[in-house]
N, C-alpha and C. Protein backbone atom coordinates (compact mmCIF):
# COMPACT_ATOMS: atom_id res chain seq x y z
N MET A 1 -67.01 -3.88 136.74
CA MET A 1 -65.74 -3.62 137.44
C MET A 1 -65.68 -2.61 138.10
N ALA A 2 -66.30 -1.39 137.85
CA ALA A 2 -65.96 0.19 138.35
C ALA A 2 -66.80 -0.16 139.47
N THR A 3 -67.71 -1.17 139.63
CA THR A 3 -68.27 -1.77 141.35
C THR A 3 -67.34 -2.12 142.30
N ASN A 4 -66.51 -2.68 142.01
CA ASN A 4 -65.38 -3.21 142.58
C ASN A 4 -64.85 -2.31 143.10
N ASN A 5 -63.96 -1.41 142.00
CA ASN A 5 -63.28 -0.46 142.55
C ASN A 5 -63.73 0.88 143.54
N GLU A 6 -64.80 0.66 143.19
CA GLU A 6 -65.81 1.61 144.09
C GLU A 6 -65.84 1.24 145.90
N SER A 7 -66.15 -0.16 145.85
CA SER A 7 -66.22 -0.85 147.14
C SER A 7 -64.58 -0.77 147.52
N VAL A 8 -63.55 -0.81 147.03
CA VAL A 8 -62.40 -0.98 147.58
C VAL A 8 -62.33 0.46 148.19
N TYR A 9 -62.64 1.93 147.25
CA TYR A 9 -62.23 3.22 147.78
C TYR A 9 -63.13 3.32 148.90
N THR A 10 -64.20 2.75 148.88
CA THR A 10 -65.43 2.81 150.34
C THR A 10 -64.71 2.32 151.61
N ILE A 11 -63.71 1.28 151.46
CA ILE A 11 -63.28 0.42 152.59
C ILE A 11 -62.28 1.27 152.70
N ALA A 12 -61.10 1.64 151.78
CA ALA A 12 -60.15 2.63 152.46
C ALA A 12 -60.62 4.35 152.88
N ASP A 13 -61.44 4.74 152.66
CA ASP A 13 -62.29 5.74 153.05
C ASP A 13 -62.68 5.65 154.29
N CYS A 14 -62.77 4.31 155.13
CA CYS A 14 -63.19 4.01 156.08
C CYS A 14 -62.11 4.09 157.13
N PHE A 15 -60.57 3.78 156.81
CA PHE A 15 -59.82 3.90 157.73
C PHE A 15 -59.07 4.93 157.69
N ILE A 16 -59.04 5.77 156.43
CA ILE A 16 -58.84 7.44 156.56
C ILE A 16 -59.49 8.25 157.27
N VAL A 17 -61.13 8.06 157.46
CA VAL A 17 -61.45 8.90 158.18
C VAL A 17 -61.39 8.61 159.25
N ASN A 18 -61.07 7.40 159.85
CA ASN A 18 -60.94 6.80 161.41
C ASN A 18 -59.44 6.75 162.01
N LYS A 19 -58.62 7.32 161.23
CA LYS A 19 -57.48 6.93 161.04
C LYS A 19 -56.75 6.81 162.66
N GLU A 20 -57.10 8.22 163.11
CA GLU A 20 -57.17 8.35 164.45
C GLU A 20 -57.38 7.56 165.49
N LYS A 21 -58.54 7.00 165.48
CA LYS A 21 -59.30 5.95 166.25
C LYS A 21 -58.56 4.95 165.72
N PHE A 22 -58.08 4.53 164.76
CA PHE A 22 -57.12 2.86 164.63
C PHE A 22 -55.82 3.07 165.32
N LEU A 23 -55.36 4.40 165.93
CA LEU A 23 -53.84 4.65 166.08
C LEU A 23 -54.12 4.33 167.25
N ILE A 24 -55.19 4.91 167.92
CA ILE A 24 -55.37 4.66 169.40
C ILE A 24 -55.92 3.10 169.28
N TYR A 25 -56.35 2.75 168.76
CA TYR A 25 -56.44 1.14 169.46
C TYR A 25 -55.30 0.02 169.23
N GLY A 26 -54.22 0.70 168.07
CA GLY A 26 -53.11 0.34 167.73
C GLY A 26 -52.67 0.03 169.37
N GLU A 27 -52.49 1.62 169.53
CA GLU A 27 -51.89 1.56 170.64
C GLU A 27 -51.83 0.87 172.00
N TYR A 28 -53.30 0.87 172.38
CA TYR A 28 -54.39 -0.31 173.16
C TYR A 28 -53.66 -1.48 173.14
N CYS A 29 -53.74 -1.64 171.83
CA CYS A 29 -53.33 -3.54 171.75
C CYS A 29 -52.00 -3.89 171.92
N SER A 30 -50.82 -2.72 171.53
CA SER A 30 -49.98 -3.00 171.57
C SER A 30 -49.03 -2.78 173.39
N ASN A 31 -50.14 -2.03 174.01
CA ASN A 31 -49.99 -1.93 175.55
C ASN A 31 -50.75 -3.27 176.31
N LEU A 32 -51.61 -4.04 175.85
CA LEU A 32 -52.08 -4.69 176.75
C LEU A 32 -51.62 -5.71 177.23
N LEU A 33 -50.75 -6.69 177.06
CA LEU A 33 -49.97 -7.55 177.53
C LEU A 33 -49.24 -6.91 179.06
N GLN A 34 -48.64 -5.94 178.48
CA GLN A 34 -47.92 -5.36 179.48
C GLN A 34 -48.92 -4.74 181.02
N ALA A 35 -49.91 -3.97 180.28
CA ALA A 35 -51.38 -3.71 181.00
C ALA A 35 -51.74 -4.65 182.14
N GLN A 36 -51.99 -5.89 181.10
CA GLN A 36 -52.47 -7.27 181.77
C GLN A 36 -51.55 -7.86 183.10
N GLU A 37 -50.41 -7.98 182.68
CA GLU A 37 -49.16 -8.65 183.65
C GLU A 37 -49.35 -7.43 184.87
N LEU A 38 -49.01 -6.00 184.95
CA LEU A 38 -49.25 -5.04 185.89
C LEU A 38 -50.37 -5.40 186.76
N LEU A 39 -51.25 -5.36 185.99
CA LEU A 39 -52.96 -5.33 186.35
C LEU A 39 -52.77 -6.43 188.00
N ASP A 40 -52.30 -7.61 186.96
CA ASP A 40 -52.22 -9.57 187.61
C ASP A 40 -51.16 -9.11 188.76
N HIS A 41 -50.44 -8.37 188.79
CA HIS A 41 -49.45 -8.36 189.56
C HIS A 41 -49.53 -7.53 191.08
N VAL A 42 -50.57 -6.30 190.39
CA VAL A 42 -51.19 -5.53 191.77
C VAL A 42 -52.04 -6.39 192.50
N CYS A 43 -53.01 -7.01 191.55
CA CYS A 43 -54.04 -7.71 192.06
C CYS A 43 -53.44 -9.14 193.27
N ASN A 44 -52.21 -9.46 192.77
CA ASN A 44 -51.48 -10.58 193.91
C ASN A 44 -50.89 -10.05 194.78
N THR A 45 -50.64 -8.74 194.78
CA THR A 45 -49.92 -8.36 195.88
C THR A 45 -50.76 -7.12 197.07
N THR A 46 -52.10 -6.90 196.12
CA THR A 46 -52.98 -5.89 197.15
C THR A 46 -54.02 -6.44 196.81
N PRO A 47 -54.76 -6.97 197.64
CA PRO A 47 -56.02 -7.43 198.20
C PRO A 47 -57.36 -7.21 198.07
N GLN A 48 -57.05 -5.46 198.54
CA GLN A 48 -58.10 -4.51 198.23
C GLN A 48 -58.44 -4.63 196.76
N VAL A 49 -57.62 -4.21 195.93
CA VAL A 49 -57.38 -4.12 194.18
C VAL A 49 -57.72 -5.79 193.77
N GLN A 50 -57.91 -7.02 194.03
CA GLN A 50 -57.83 -8.01 193.41
C GLN A 50 -59.53 -7.60 194.06
N ILE A 51 -60.30 -7.57 194.98
CA ILE A 51 -61.36 -7.69 195.50
C ILE A 51 -62.51 -6.51 194.49
N ARG A 52 -61.68 -5.34 194.22
CA ARG A 52 -62.34 -4.61 193.18
C ARG A 52 -62.80 -5.01 191.94
N VAL A 53 -61.33 -5.57 191.55
CA VAL A 53 -61.07 -5.99 189.98
C VAL A 53 -62.38 -7.05 189.96
N THR A 54 -62.45 -8.48 191.00
CA THR A 54 -63.23 -9.18 190.84
C THR A 54 -64.92 -8.98 191.19
N VAL A 55 -65.12 -7.29 191.52
CA VAL A 55 -66.49 -7.42 191.57
C VAL A 55 -66.77 -6.86 190.43
N ARG A 56 -65.90 -5.77 190.00
CA ARG A 56 -66.13 -5.48 188.79
C ARG A 56 -66.22 -6.58 187.75
N ASP A 57 -65.39 -7.15 187.61
CA ASP A 57 -65.76 -8.97 186.69
C ASP A 57 -66.93 -9.57 186.46
N VAL A 58 -67.64 -9.38 188.02
CA VAL A 58 -68.86 -10.36 188.04
C VAL A 58 -70.03 -9.39 187.68
N CYS A 59 -69.54 -7.92 188.12
CA CYS A 59 -70.73 -6.77 187.01
C CYS A 59 -70.55 -6.97 185.93
N CYS A 60 -69.58 -7.14 184.86
CA CYS A 60 -69.80 -7.27 183.54
C CYS A 60 -70.31 -8.50 183.16
N ILE A 61 -70.17 -9.31 183.64
CA ILE A 61 -70.95 -10.88 183.43
C ILE A 61 -71.80 -10.79 183.70
N MET A 62 -72.80 -10.38 184.62
CA MET A 62 -73.85 -10.01 184.74
C MET A 62 -74.82 -9.17 184.05
N SER A 63 -74.07 -7.96 183.76
CA SER A 63 -75.08 -7.20 182.70
C SER A 63 -74.84 -7.56 181.52
N ALA A 64 -73.84 -8.23 181.08
CA ALA A 64 -73.50 -8.71 179.73
C ALA A 64 -75.41 -10.31 179.90
N VAL A 65 -74.98 -10.37 180.86
CA VAL A 65 -76.03 -11.89 180.82
C VAL A 65 -77.49 -10.92 180.72
N HIS A 66 -77.69 -10.28 181.31
CA HIS A 66 -78.90 -9.59 181.34
C HIS A 66 -79.64 -8.64 179.99
N SER A 67 -78.63 -8.54 179.46
CA SER A 67 -78.45 -7.47 178.19
C SER A 67 -78.79 -8.27 176.72
N GLU A 68 -78.91 -9.76 176.92
CA GLU A 68 -78.64 -10.94 176.06
C GLU A 68 -80.67 -10.85 175.46
N PRO A 69 -80.34 -10.86 174.45
CA PRO A 69 -82.06 -10.70 173.80
C PRO A 69 -82.57 -11.92 174.14
């Protein structure tokens, strides 16, 4: 039974040690929808931005395809 308790503490330690990173990630997640809506609005009203976002998306896809094992 002690092994289970040790595992629980190890998992908890992970969250404690990385608290600041988890807080930043939480803020990112809570703002994601608003940021996406703003980006969509800017892309719909500014063709230059839409082109750059599209190019970035294509580059990310190509990078992912070429990095697959």
